Amino acid sequence: MIGALLLGLFCGVVARLLVPGDAFRKMSGPVSWLVSIALGLAGALVGYLIFTIGLGIGDTNIYDWVGVLSALIGTIIVVVIATLILRRTRHDPGRQAPPQPGT
């Protein structure tokens, strides 16, 4: 459990540093750490599914470098996708809705 949290934190922090302009850049404090852990854990799952299950690369050992690398790549994928989704769904108060036909 502690190992998974540390892996998630490591991968989340590194991925957020590597992805320029991610949607989580302005966060600070405990929320930033929790978001990094959540992104890292989700990325580790994505990396496991892609590399171990999908491609057959790596094994099921908990601590090996292939696992850390696949978790980091998965976390980068998760950060990029989450950033794209958050930017699309974010409401911009300065932007007006397009006029409705017939009004």
PDB file of N, CA and C in Angstrom:
ATOM      1  N   MET A   1       0.818  -1.191   0.000  1.00  0.00           N
ATOM      2  CA  MET A   1       0.000   0.000   0.000  1.00  0.00           C
ATOM      3  C   MET A   1       0.866   1.262   0.000  1.00  0.00           C
ATOM      4  N   ILE A   2       1.835   1.315   0.900  1.00  0.00           N
ATOM      5  CA  ILE A   2       2.735   2.470   0.961  1.00  0.00           C
ATOM      6  C   ILE A   2       3.543   2.559  -0.327  1.00  0.00           C
ATOM      7  N   GLY A   3       3.981   1.415  -0.845  1.00  0.00           N
ATOM      8  CA  GLY A   3       4.754   1.399  -2.085  1.00  0.00           C
ATOM      9  C   GLY A   3       3.950   1.937  -3.257  1.00  0.00           C
ATOM     10  N   ALA A   4       2.676   1.584  -3.320  1.00  0.00           N
ATOM     11  CA  ALA A   4       1.817   2.073  -4.400  1.00  0.00           C
ATOM     12  C   ALA A   4       1.635   3.577  -4.290  1.00  0.00           C
ATOM     13  N   LEU A   5       1.459   4.088  -3.082  1.00  0.00           N
ATOM     14  CA  LEU A   5       1.300   5.533  -2.901  1.00  0.00           C
ATOM     15  C   LEU A   5       2.574   6.278  -3.283  1.00  0.00           C
ATOM     16  N   LEU A   6       3.726   5.723  -2.911  1.00  0.00           N
ATOM     17  CA  LEU A   6       4.998   6.360  -3.274  1.00  0.00           C
ATOM     18  C   LEU A   6       5.223   6.324  -4.777  1.00  0.00           C
ATOM     19  N   LEU A   7       4.892   5.201  -5.413  1.00  0.00           N
ATOM     20  CA  LEU A   7       5.008   5.109  -6.870  1.00  0.00           C
ATOM     21  C   LEU A   7       4.069   6.121  -7.534  1.00  0.00           C
ATOM     22  N   GLY A   8       2.841   6.221  -7.046  1.00  0.00           N
ATOM     23  CA  GLY A   8       1.892   7.182  -7.586  1.00  0.00           C
ATOM     24  C   GLY A   8       2.368   8.607  -7.413  1.00  0.00           C
ATOM     25  N   LEU A   9       2.910   8.914  -6.239  1.00  0.00           N
ATOM     26  CA  LEU A   9       3.416  10.263  -5.995  1.00  0.00           C
ATOM     27  C   LEU A   9       4.593  10.574  -6.911  1.00  0.00           C
ATOM     28  N   PHE A  10       5.534   9.648  -7.015  1.00  0.00           N
ATOM     29  CA  PHE A  10       6.705   9.858  -7.875  1.00  0.00           C
ATOM     30  C   PHE A  10       6.285  10.068  -9.322  1.00  0.00           C
ATOM     31  N   CYS A  11       5.476   9.160  -9.843  1.00  0.00           N
ATOM     32  CA  CYS A  11       5.056   9.255 -11.248  1.00  0.00           C
ATOM     33  C   CYS A  11       4.198  10.488 -11.487  1.00  0.00           C
ATOM     34  N   GLY A  12       3.324  10.832 -10.542  1.00  0.00           N
ATOM     35  CA  GLY A  12       2.493  12.014 -10.696  1.00  0.00           C
ATOM     36  C   GLY A  12       3.298  13.295 -10.731  1.00  0.00           C
ATOM     37  N   VAL A  13       4.272  13.414  -9.854  1.00  0.00           N
ATOM     38  CA  VAL A  13       5.094  14.624  -9.807  1.00  0.00           C
ATOM     39  C   VAL A  13       5.951  14.730 -11.064  1.00  0.00           C
ATOM     40  N   VAL A  14       6.598  13.630 -11.456  1.00  0.00           N
ATOM     41  CA  VAL A  14       7.464  13.664 -12.636  1.00  0.00           C
ATOM     42  C   VAL A  14       6.655  13.942 -13.902  1.00  0.00           C
ATOM     43  N   ALA A  15       5.499  13.314 -14.032  1.00  0.00           N
ATOM     44  CA  ALA A  15       4.669  13.531 -15.221  1.00  0.00           C
ATOM     45  C   ALA A  15       4.185  14.972 -15.286  1.00  0.00           C
ATOM     46  N   ARG A  16       3.808  15.548 -14.143  1.00  0.00           N
ATOM     47  CA  ARG A  16       3.362  16.941 -14.137  1.00  0.00           C
ATOM     48  C   ARG A  16       4.500  17.892 -14.474  1.00  0.00           C
ATOM     49  N   LEU A  17       5.725  17.511 -14.145  1.00  0.00           N
ATOM     50  CA  LEU A  17       6.878  18.332 -14.522  1.00  0.00           C
ATOM     51  C   LEU A  17       7.186  18.215 -16.014  1.00  0.00           C
ATOM     52  N   LEU A  18       6.950  17.039 -16.572  1.00  0.00           N
ATOM     53  CA  LEU A  18       7.294  16.792 -17.973  1.00  0.00           C
ATOM     54  C   LEU A  18       6.248  17.301 -18.959  1.00  0.00           C
ATOM     55  N   VAL A  19       5.003  17.393 -18.541  1.00  0.00           N
ATOM     56  CA  VAL A  19       3.936  17.846 -19.434  1.00  0.00           C
ATOM     57  C   VAL A  19       3.816  19.364 -19.292  1.00  0.00           C
ATOM     58  N   PRO A  20       4.148  20.103 -20.358  1.00  0.00           N
ATOM     59  CA  PRO A  20       4.093  21.564 -20.253  1.00  0.00           C
ATOM     60  C   PRO A  20       2.655  22.074 -20.214  1.00  0.00           C
ATOM     61  N   GLY A  21       2.390  22.997 -19.292  1.00  0.00           N
ATOM     62  CA  GLY A  21       1.084  23.641 -19.215  1.00  0.00           C
ATOM     63  C   GLY A  21      -0.057  22.732 -18.826  1.00  0.00           C
ATOM     64  N   ASP A  22       0.189  21.759 -17.949  1.00  0.00           N
ATOM     65  CA  ASP A  22      -0.903  20.861 -17.559  1.00  0.00           C
ATOM     66  C   ASP A  22      -1.954  21.639 -16.767  1.00  0.00           C
ATOM     67  N   ALA A  23      -3.158  21.112 -16.725  1.00  0.00           N
ATOM     68  CA  ALA A  23      -4.290  21.796 -16.096  1.00  0.00           C
ATOM     69  C   ALA A  23      -4.145  21.897 -14.582  1.00  0.00           C
ATOM     70  N   PHE A  24      -3.215  21.175 -14.011  1.00  0.00           N
ATOM     71  CA  PHE A  24      -3.055  21.136 -12.560  1.00  0.00           C
ATOM     72  C   PHE A  24      -1.896  22.004 -12.088  1.00  0.00           C
ATOM     73  N   ARG A  25      -1.322  22.790 -12.982  1.00  0.00           N
ATOM     74  CA  ARG A  25      -0.103  23.551 -12.712  1.00  0.00           C
ATOM     75  C   ARG A  25      -0.292  24.570 -11.593  1.00  0.00           C
ATOM     76  N   LYS A  26      -1.465  25.159 -11.460  1.00  0.00           N
ATOM     77  CA  LYS A  26      -1.676  26.235 -10.489  1.00  0.00           C
ATOM     78  C   LYS A  26      -2.047  25.725  -9.098  1.00  0.00           C
ATOM     79  N   MET A  27      -2.153  24.429  -8.922  1.00  0.00           N
ATOM     80  CA  MET A  27      -2.494  23.886  -7.608  1.00  0.00           C
ATOM     81  C   MET A  27      -1.271  23.918  -6.700  1.00  0.00           C
ATOM     82  N   SER A  28      -1.536  24.017  -5.399  1.00  0.00           N
ATOM     83  CA  SER A  28      -0.441  23.976  -4.438  1.00  0.00           C
ATOM     84  C   SER A  28      -0.951  23.363  -3.143  1.00  0.00           C
ATOM     85  N   GLY A  29      -0.023  22.999  -2.299  1.00  0.00           N
ATOM     86  CA  GLY A  29      -0.374  22.459  -0.995  1.00  0.00           C
ATOM     87  C   GLY A  29      -0.835  21.015  -1.057  1.00  0.00           C
ATOM     88  N   PRO A  30      -1.623  20.604  -0.073  1.00  0.00           N
ATOM     89  CA  PRO A  30      -2.064  19.211   0.017  1.00  0.00           C
ATOM     90  C   PRO A  30      -2.890  18.752  -1.184  1.00  0.00           C
ATOM     91  N   VAL A  31      -3.670  19.647  -1.770  1.00  0.00           N
ATOM     92  CA  VAL A  31      -4.479  19.268  -2.928  1.00  0.00           C
ATOM     93  C   VAL A  31      -3.576  18.862  -4.083  1.00  0.00           C
ATOM     94  N   SER A  32      -2.485  19.576  -4.260  1.00  0.00           N
ATOM     95  CA  SER A  32      -1.538  19.260  -5.326  1.00  0.00           C
ATOM     96  C   SER A  32      -0.922  17.878  -5.121  1.00  0.00           C
ATOM     97  N   TRP A  33      -0.574  17.566  -3.889  1.00  0.00           N
ATOM     98  CA  TRP A  33       0.008  16.250  -3.599  1.00  0.00           C
ATOM     99  C   TRP A  33      -1.008  15.137  -3.840  1.00  0.00           C
ATOM    100  N   LEU A  34      -2.251  15.356  -3.418  1.00  0.00           N
ATOM    101  CA  LEU A  34      -3.286  14.338  -3.621  1.00  0.00           C
ATOM    102  C   LEU A  34      -3.599  14.136  -5.098  1.00  0.00           C
ATOM    103  N   VAL A  35      -3.624  15.223  -5.862  1.00  0.00           N
ATOM    104  CA  VAL A  35      -3.854  15.110  -7.302  1.00  0.00           C
ATOM    105  C   VAL A  35      -2.702  14.361  -7.956  1.00  0.00           C
ATOM    106  N   SER A  36      -1.472  14.634  -7.530  1.00  0.00           N
ATOM    107  CA  SER A  36      -0.313  13.926  -8.082  1.00  0.00           C
ATOM    108  C   SER A  36      -0.383  12.438  -7.788  1.00  0.00           C
ATOM    109  N   ILE A  37      -0.767  12.078  -6.572  1.00  0.00           N
ATOM    110  CA  ILE A  37      -0.899  10.659  -6.217  1.00  0.00           C
ATOM    111  C   ILE A  37      -1.997  10.005  -7.043  1.00  0.00           C
ATOM    112  N   ALA A  38      -3.148  10.658  -7.161  1.00  0.00           N
ATOM    113  CA  ALA A  38      -4.267  10.092  -7.934  1.00  0.00           C
ATOM    114  C   ALA A  38      -3.890   9.917  -9.401  1.00  0.00           C
ATOM    115  N   LEU A  39      -3.247  10.933  -9.982  1.00  0.00           N
ATOM    116  CA  LEU A  39      -2.818  10.823 -11.374  1.00  0.00           C
ATOM    117  C   LEU A  39      -1.788   9.711 -11.532  1.00  0.00           C
ATOM    118  N   GLY A  40      -0.873   9.619 -10.585  1.00  0.00           N
ATOM    119  CA  GLY A  40       0.155   8.577 -10.646  1.00  0.00           C
ATOM    120  C   GLY A  40      -0.425   7.180 -10.526  1.00  0.00           C
ATOM    121  N   LEU A  41      -1.386   6.998  -9.646  1.00  0.00           N
ATOM    122  CA  LEU A  41      -2.016   5.675  -9.499  1.00  0.00           C
ATOM    123  C   LEU A  41      -2.820   5.311 -10.744  1.00  0.00           C
ATOM    124  N   ALA A  42      -3.558   6.279 -11.280  1.00  0.00           N
ATOM    125  CA  ALA A  42      -4.308   6.023 -12.516  1.00  0.00           C
ATOM    126  C   ALA A  42      -3.345   5.729 -13.666  1.00  0.00           C
ATOM    127  N   GLY A  43      -2.250   6.471 -13.727  1.00  0.00           N
ATOM    128  CA  GLY A  43      -1.251   6.241 -14.767  1.00  0.00           C
ATOM    129  C   GLY A  43      -0.559   4.901 -14.641  1.00  0.00           C
ATOM    130  N   ALA A  44      -0.324   4.465 -13.413  1.00  0.00           N
ATOM    131  CA  ALA A  44       0.280   3.141 -13.207  1.00  0.00           C
ATOM    132  C   ALA A  44      -0.652   2.052 -13.718  1.00  0.00           C
ATOM    133  N   LEU A  45      -1.939   2.223 -13.491  1.00  0.00           N
ATOM    134  CA  LEU A  45      -2.918   1.260 -14.004  1.00  0.00           C
ATOM    135  C   LEU A  45      -2.946   1.274 -15.524  1.00  0.00           C
ATOM    136  N   VAL A  46      -2.931   2.458 -16.128  1.00  0.00           N
ATOM    137  CA  VAL A  46      -2.928   2.573 -17.588  1.00  0.00           C
ATOM    138  C   VAL A  46      -1.652   1.953 -18.161  1.00  0.00           C
ATOM    139  N   GLY A  47      -0.518   2.251 -17.546  1.00  0.00           N
ATOM    140  CA  GLY A  47       0.745   1.677 -18.001  1.00  0.00           C
ATOM    141  C   GLY A  47       0.763   0.170 -17.894  1.00  0.00           C
ATOM    142  N   TYR A  48       0.205  -0.359 -16.805  1.00  0.00           N
ATOM    143  CA  TYR A  48       0.131  -1.812 -16.628  1.00  0.00           C
ATOM    144  C   TYR A  48      -0.747  -2.435 -17.716  1.00  0.00           C
ATOM    145  N   LEU A  49      -1.890  -1.808 -17.970  1.00  0.00           N
ATOM    146  CA  LEU A  49      -2.795  -2.346 -18.987  1.00  0.00           C
ATOM    147  C   LEU A  49      -2.164  -2.308 -20.384  1.00  0.00           C
ATOM    148  N   ILE A  50      -1.478  -1.214 -20.698  1.00  0.00           N
ATOM    149  CA  ILE A  50      -0.873  -1.089 -22.028  1.00  0.00           C
ATOM    150  C   ILE A  50       0.303  -2.038 -22.192  1.00  0.00           C
ATOM    151  N   PHE A  51       1.256  -1.977 -21.272  1.00  0.00           N
ATOM    152  CA  PHE A  51       2.516  -2.681 -21.461  1.00  0.00           C
ATOM    153  C   PHE A  51       2.470  -4.148 -21.031  1.00  0.00           C
ATOM    154  N   THR A  52       1.946  -4.426 -19.848  1.00  0.00           N
ATOM    155  CA  THR A  52       1.969  -5.799 -19.361  1.00  0.00           C
ATOM    156  C   THR A  52       0.857  -6.640 -19.972  1.00  0.00           C
ATOM    157  N   ILE A  53      -0.362  -6.139 -19.936  1.00  0.00           N
ATOM    158  CA  ILE A  53      -1.494  -6.898 -20.470  1.00  0.00           C
ATOM    159  C   ILE A  53      -1.522  -6.823 -21.996  1.00  0.00           C
ATOM    160  N   GLY A  54      -1.432  -5.599 -22.540  1.00  0.00           N
ATOM    161  CA  GLY A  54      -1.568  -5.418 -23.984  1.00  0.00           C
ATOM    162  C   GLY A  54      -0.384  -5.892 -24.795  1.00  0.00           C
ATOM    163  N   LEU A  55       0.813  -5.477 -24.402  1.00  0.00           N
ATOM    164  CA  LEU A  55       2.001  -5.789 -25.197  1.00  0.00           C
ATOM    165  C   LEU A  55       2.828  -6.956 -24.659  1.00  0.00           C
ATOM    166  N   GLY A  56       2.560  -7.389 -23.449  1.00  0.00           N
ATOM    167  CA  GLY A  56       3.307  -8.507 -22.864  1.00  0.00           C
ATOM    168  C   GLY A  56       4.715  -8.131 -22.430  1.00  0.00           C
ATOM    169  N   ILE A  57       4.973  -6.833 -22.265  1.00  0.00           N
ATOM    170  CA  ILE A  57       6.286  -6.372 -21.812  1.00  0.00           C
ATOM    171  C   ILE A  57       6.242  -6.247 -20.300  1.00  0.00           C
ATOM    172  N   GLY A  58       7.246  -6.731 -19.638  1.00  0.00           N
ATOM    173  CA  GLY A  58       7.301  -6.642 -18.183  1.00  0.00           C
ATOM    174  C   GLY A  58       6.706  -7.881 -17.542  1.00  0.00           C
ATOM    175  N   ASP A  59       6.643  -7.834 -16.249  1.00  0.00           N
ATOM    176  CA  ASP A  59       6.092  -8.962 -15.502  1.00  0.00           C
ATOM    177  C   ASP A  59       5.259  -8.413 -14.353  1.00  0.00           C
ATOM    178  N   THR A  60       4.892  -9.274 -13.440  1.00  0.00           N
ATOM    179  CA  THR A  60       4.027  -8.848 -12.353  1.00  0.00           C
ATOM    180  C   THR A  60       4.797  -8.527 -11.076  1.00  0.00           C
ATOM    181  N   ASN A  61       6.133  -8.425 -11.141  1.00  0.00           N
ATOM    182  CA  ASN A  61       6.893  -8.005  -9.971  1.00  0.00           C
ATOM    183  C   ASN A  61       6.501  -6.590  -9.597  1.00  0.00           C
ATOM    184  N   ILE A  62       6.431  -6.355  -8.314  1.00  0.00           N
ATOM    185  CA  ILE A  62       5.979  -5.045  -7.856  1.00  0.00           C
ATOM    186  C   ILE A  62       7.031  -3.975  -8.126  1.00  0.00           C
ATOM    187  N   TYR A  63       8.267  -4.240  -7.789  1.00  0.00           N
ATOM    188  CA  TYR A  63       9.313  -3.235  -7.929  1.00  0.00           C
ATOM    189  C   TYR A  63      10.328  -3.669  -8.967  1.00  0.00           C
ATOM    190  N   ASP A  64      10.126  -3.252 -10.186  1.00  0.00           N
ATOM    191  CA  ASP A  64      11.138  -3.417 -11.223  1.00  0.00           C
ATOM    192  C   ASP A  64      11.119  -2.165 -12.075  1.00  0.00           C
ATOM    193  N   TRP A  65      12.205  -1.910 -12.782  1.00  0.00           N
ATOM    194  CA  TRP A  65      12.330  -0.666 -13.530  1.00  0.00           C
ATOM    195  C   TRP A  65      11.366  -0.589 -14.697  1.00  0.00           C
ATOM    196  N   VAL A  66      11.024  -1.715 -15.291  1.00  0.00           N
ATOM    197  CA  VAL A  66      10.052  -1.701 -16.386  1.00  0.00           C
ATOM    198  C   VAL A  66       8.694  -1.253 -15.858  1.00  0.00           C
ATOM    199  N   GLY A  67       8.350  -1.680 -14.669  1.00  0.00           N
ATOM    200  CA  GLY A  67       7.083  -1.273 -14.066  1.00  0.00           C
ATOM    201  C   GLY A  67       7.041   0.214 -13.770  1.00  0.00           C
ATOM    202  N   VAL A  68       8.142   0.754 -13.272  1.00  0.00           N
ATOM    203  CA  VAL A  68       8.202   2.180 -12.982  1.00  0.00           C
ATOM    204  C   VAL A  68       8.136   2.978 -14.279  1.00  0.00           C
ATOM    205  N   LEU A  69       8.849   2.528 -15.294  1.00  0.00           N
ATOM    206  CA  LEU A  69       8.834   3.221 -16.583  1.00  0.00           C
ATOM    207  C   LEU A  69       7.451   3.166 -17.226  1.00  0.00           C
ATOM    208  N   SER A  70       6.809   2.001 -17.183  1.00  0.00           N
ATOM    209  CA  SER A  70       5.460   1.910 -17.765  1.00  0.00           C
ATOM    210  C   SER A  70       4.465   2.748 -16.967  1.00  0.00           C
ATOM    211  N   ALA A  71       4.624   2.810 -15.647  1.00  0.00           N
ATOM    212  CA  ALA A  71       3.750   3.651 -14.828  1.00  0.00           C
ATOM    213  C   ALA A  71       3.960   5.122 -15.154  1.00  0.00           C
ATOM    214  N   LEU A  72       5.197   5.526 -15.389  1.00  0.00           N
ATOM    215  CA  LEU A  72       5.481   6.912 -15.735  1.00  0.00           C
ATOM    216  C   LEU A  72       4.896   7.275 -17.100  1.00  0.00           C
ATOM    217  N   ILE A  73       5.053   6.396 -18.075  1.00  0.00           N
ATOM    218  CA  ILE A  73       4.479   6.642 -19.403  1.00  0.00           C
ATOM    219  C   ILE A  73       2.949   6.690 -19.315  1.00  0.00           C
ATOM    220  N   GLY A  74       2.362   5.776 -18.558  1.00  0.00           N
ATOM    221  CA  GLY A  74       0.912   5.791 -18.362  1.00  0.00           C
ATOM    222  C   GLY A  74       0.440   7.057 -17.680  1.00  0.00           C
ATOM    223  N   THR A  75       1.212   7.559 -16.718  1.00  0.00           N
ATOM    224  CA  THR A  75       0.838   8.782 -16.016  1.00  0.00           C
ATOM    225  C   THR A  75       0.924   9.994 -16.940  1.00  0.00           C
ATOM    226  N   ILE A  76       1.928  10.025 -17.805  1.00  0.00           N
ATOM    227  CA  ILE A  76       2.011  11.118 -18.776  1.00  0.00           C
ATOM    228  C   ILE A  76       0.787  11.103 -19.684  1.00  0.00           C
ATOM    229  N   ILE A  77       0.380   9.912 -20.116  1.00  0.00           N
ATOM    230  CA  ILE A  77      -0.822   9.785 -20.947  1.00  0.00           C
ATOM    231  C   ILE A  77      -2.049  10.295 -20.191  1.00  0.00           C
ATOM    232  N   VAL A  78      -2.181   9.922 -18.920  1.00  0.00           N
ATOM    233  CA  VAL A  78      -3.330  10.346 -18.112  1.00  0.00           C
ATOM    234  C   VAL A  78      -3.328  11.857 -17.916  1.00  0.00           C
ATOM    235  N   VAL A  79      -2.157  12.458 -17.655  1.00  0.00           N
ATOM    236  CA  VAL A  79      -2.082  13.909 -17.446  1.00  0.00           C
ATOM    237  C   VAL A  79      -2.471  14.657 -18.721  1.00  0.00           C
ATOM    238  N   VAL A  80      -1.996  14.182 -19.860  1.00  0.00           N
ATOM    239  CA  VAL A  80      -2.325  14.839 -21.128  1.00  0.00           C
ATOM    240  C   VAL A  80      -3.820  14.741 -21.409  1.00  0.00           C
ATOM    241  N   ILE A  81      -4.401  13.561 -21.241  1.00  0.00           N
ATOM    242  CA  ILE A  81      -5.836  13.378 -21.490  1.00  0.00           C
ATOM    243  C   ILE A  81      -6.669  14.197 -20.505  1.00  0.00           C
ATOM    244  N   ALA A  82      -6.292  14.189 -19.219  1.00  0.00           N
ATOM    245  CA  ALA A  82      -7.028  14.962 -18.220  1.00  0.00           C
ATOM    246  C   ALA A  82      -6.944  16.454 -18.510  1.00  0.00           C
ATOM    247  N   THR A  83      -5.790  16.917 -18.958  1.00  0.00           N
ATOM    248  CA  THR A  83      -5.643  18.328 -19.309  1.00  0.00           C
ATOM    249  C   THR A  83      -6.543  18.701 -20.485  1.00  0.00           C
ATOM    250  N   LEU A  84      -6.564  17.848 -21.504  1.00  0.00           N
ATOM    251  CA  LEU A  84      -7.429  18.118 -22.658  1.00  0.00           C
ATOM    252  C   LEU A  84      -8.900  18.148 -22.255  1.00  0.00           C
ATOM    253  N   ILE A  85      -9.320  17.206 -21.440  1.00  0.00           N
ATOM    254  CA  ILE A  85     -10.723  17.149 -21.006  1.00  0.00           C
ATOM    255  C   ILE A  85     -11.068  18.361 -20.152  1.00  0.00           C
ATOM    256  N   LEU A  86     -10.201  18.710 -19.211  1.00  0.00           N
ATOM    257  CA  LEU A  86     -10.499  19.852 -18.337  1.00  0.00           C
ATOM    258  C   LEU A  86     -10.520  21.160 -19.103  1.00  0.00           C
ATOM    259  N   ARG A  87      -9.673  21.302 -20.085  1.00  0.00           N
ATOM    260  CA  ARG A  87      -9.679  22.541 -20.871  1.00  0.00           C
ATOM    261  C   ARG A  87     -10.917  22.636 -21.752  1.00  0.00           C
ATOM    262  N   ARG A  88     -11.413  21.512 -22.242  1.00  0.00           N
ATOM    263  CA  ARG A  88     -12.627  21.529 -23.071  1.00  0.00           C
ATOM    264  C   ARG A  88     -13.872  21.804 -22.242  1.00  0.00           C
ATOM    265  N   THR A  89     -13.919  21.284 -21.029  1.00  0.00           N
ATOM    266  CA  THR A  89     -15.125  21.409 -20.210  1.00  0.00           C
ATOM    267  C   THR A  89     -15.104  22.629 -19.303  1.00  0.00           C
ATOM    268  N   ARG A  90     -13.981  23.298 -19.197  1.00  0.00           N
ATOM    269  CA  ARG A  90     -13.886  24.471 -18.331  1.00  0.00           C
ATOM    270  C   ARG A  90     -14.733  25.596 -18.908  1.00  0.00           C
ATOM    271  N   HIS A  91     -15.526  26.182 -18.063  1.00  0.00           N
ATOM    272  CA  HIS A  91     -16.395  27.285 -18.496  1.00  0.00           C
ATOM    273  C   HIS A  91     -15.595  28.572 -18.440  1.00  0.00           C
ATOM    274  N   ASP A  92     -15.535  29.262 -19.543  1.00  0.00           N
ATOM    275  CA  ASP A  92     -14.847  30.549 -19.626  1.00  0.00           C
ATOM    276  C   ASP A  92     -15.885  31.649 -19.438  1.00  0.00           C
ATOM    277  N   PRO A  93     -15.845  32.393 -18.314  1.00  0.00           N
ATOM    278  CA  PRO A  93     -16.880  33.399 -18.068  1.00  0.00           C
ATOM    279  C   PRO A  93     -16.844  34.555 -19.061  1.00  0.00           C
ATOM    280  N   GLY A  94     -15.729  34.788 -19.725  1.00  0.00           N
ATOM    281  CA  GLY A  94     -15.647  35.868 -20.687  1.00  0.00           C
ATOM    282  C   GLY A  94     -16.232  35.502 -22.039  1.00  0.00           C
ATOM    283  N   ARG A  95     -16.445  34.228 -22.272  1.00  0.00           N
ATOM    284  CA  ARG A  95     -16.951  33.773 -23.563  1.00  0.00           C
ATOM    285  C   ARG A  95     -18.471  33.705 -23.521  1.00  0.00           C
ATOM    286  N   GLN A  96     -19.099  34.235 -24.537  1.00  0.00           N
ATOM    287  CA  GLN A  96     -20.554  34.212 -24.595  1.00  0.00           C
ATOM    288  C   GLN A  96     -21.018  33.006 -25.400  1.00  0.00           C
ATOM    289  N   ALA A  97     -22.197  32.553 -25.060  1.00  0.00           N
ATOM    290  CA  ALA A  97     -22.779  31.434 -25.807  1.00  0.00           C
ATOM    291  C   ALA A  97     -23.179  31.914 -27.198  1.00  0.00           C
ATOM    292  N   PRO A  98     -23.083  31.035 -28.214  1.00  0.00           N
ATOM    293  CA  PRO A  98     -23.495  31.442 -29.556  1.00  0.00           C
ATOM    294  C   PRO A  98     -24.995  31.707 -29.580  1.00  0.00           C
ATOM    295  N   PRO A  99     -25.430  32.642 -30.440  1.00  0.00           N
ATOM    296  CA  PRO A  99     -26.869  32.955 -30.500  1.00  0.00           C
ATOM    297  C   PRO A  99     -27.674  31.758 -30.993  1.00  0.00           C
ATOM    298  N   GLN A 100     -28.840  31.590 -30.431  1.00  0.00           N
ATOM    299  CA  GLN A 100     -29.723  30.501 -30.803  1.00  0.00           C
ATOM    300  C   GLN A 100     -30.486  30.883 -32.067  1.00  0.00           C
ATOM    301  N   PRO A 101     -30.691  29.947 -32.983  1.00  0.00           N
ATOM    302  CA  PRO A 101     -31.455  30.276 -34.184  1.00  0.00           C
ATOM    303  C   PRO A 101     -32.904  30.624 -33.827  1.00  0.00           C
ATOM    304  N   GLY A 102     -33.417  31.635 -34.509  1.00  0.00           N
ATOM    305  CA  GLY A 102     -34.798  32.034 -34.294  1.00  0.00           C
ATOM    306  C   GLY A 102     -34.990  33.007 -33.156  1.00  0.00           C
ATOM    307  N   THR A 103     -33.916  33.493 -32.535  1.00  0.00           N
ATOM    308  CA  THR A 103     -34.067  34.451 -31.438  1.00  0.00           C
ATOM    309  C   THR A 103     -33.619  35.825 -31.830  1.00  0.00           C
TER     310      THR A 103
END
